[in-house]
Amino acid sequence: MHNLHTIQLMDTHAGGDVSRIVTGGIDILPGATVREQMEYLRDDADGLRRLLLEEPYGIPEMSVDLLVPATHPEAVAGYIIMEVMGYPIYSGSNTLCTATAVLESGIVPKQEGIQRFKLEAPAGLVQIEAKVHNGVVESVTCGGLPSYIDTYRDTIQVPGIGEVTYSIAYSGGFYALVDATELGFKLVRDEERALSECAYKIVEAIKAQRGFSHYTLGDVGPLPFLHFMGPEEQIGEGYTRSRSTTYVHPGVICRSTTGTGTSARLALMNYEGRLNVGDKLETVSLRETGFIGTFIGTHQEGAYQVVENTITGRSYVLAHSDIVINCDDPMVACGELHHILRDRHSPEALPLET
């Protein structure tokens, strides 16, 4: 019986990107902050990420968000983000989904109108503003991570493609920003495989040539993201719309445009002197879903002008489920997560469960 464990999940999506919110079944993790708990998962219990993103339980295109007790007194809950590329310290779509799950699960009771609360990501505190109407979470606005341009319009020779012009932004992870039209793409769904193959070659070429360092975080690992930028359309005063596609290395095209991808675009537009405070950018995905980024302002961090922004979108609940983990199953690798699983028949519960 001790080889059976149960994990409680709430599956959600924002813009088409599925986020599996883990609401129960995991023991309290060591670490004085959510960032330290993330590092523990990454270094000592990566089996949870692999279990929920690989067969037979999941697919790499999804994300996982583990709810944990907040360590900061201002936050109602903490969350750790897990993706195919590893453990990003922030994600816009995952934050939208986690905020919705916190409301739908009753961790924060829903109230009509505008609700404000804070979550604790590995990157730190995140301000949440949710709009609730007739008991339905109609939209969530979250603070985007401060974003900046590291590299502007550099070029690289990419095998099989030729010379590619790219910029590098940081918005929770480093992004290569490329012009979709220059690469022959219209950013429609039929191009999904070709976009993935093209992005893979570009990211591999950039990684082979150079790395990137954040002004306070230092080395945050190899380049994980690429964002295809479509033509911009002026919808109204201070409101721009653009088709966009985000790629996660290796091999995943996101269903949404992603919040961090939208923040990266705002950083580029600001760098080029094309934004005023309050201006909005709506990014539209291959599946016709969208996020809205709002430019709040800037501040200086050493040599970088850092963009403050918010991301607005909507998350939907797909399912509530219990996943039974049988460690005797040859398809299930329990070795890297057995020590953080609660026994299936334990009366104890994750403190965030209601």
Foldseek 3Di string as FASTA:
>chain_A
DQLKFKWWWWWKFFLQAIETETFKFFAAADDLAQLRSLVCCQPFFVQVLCQCCDPPRHHQSHKYKYWAAGNDPQALIEIWIAHPQGTQQDWFGNVQAVVQVCDVQPSPDDDAAWDWGWYQTSVGIKIKIFHADPNDGPKIKIWWAWKAWPAAFDWDQFPPQGIFTWTWMDGSAIETEGEQVVSPDPQAPVCLQVVLVVVQRVQVRVQVPDADADPPRGGPDGHFKYKHWYDWDDPDVLEIETEMWMDGPNRHIHSANIPSNLLRVVNVCVVVVNHDAQRWYWYAHNVRATKIKGWHAWDDDVPITITIIMIMTHMGTDDIDMDMRRCVDPVRDCPSHSVGGDRRPDPDIRVSGD
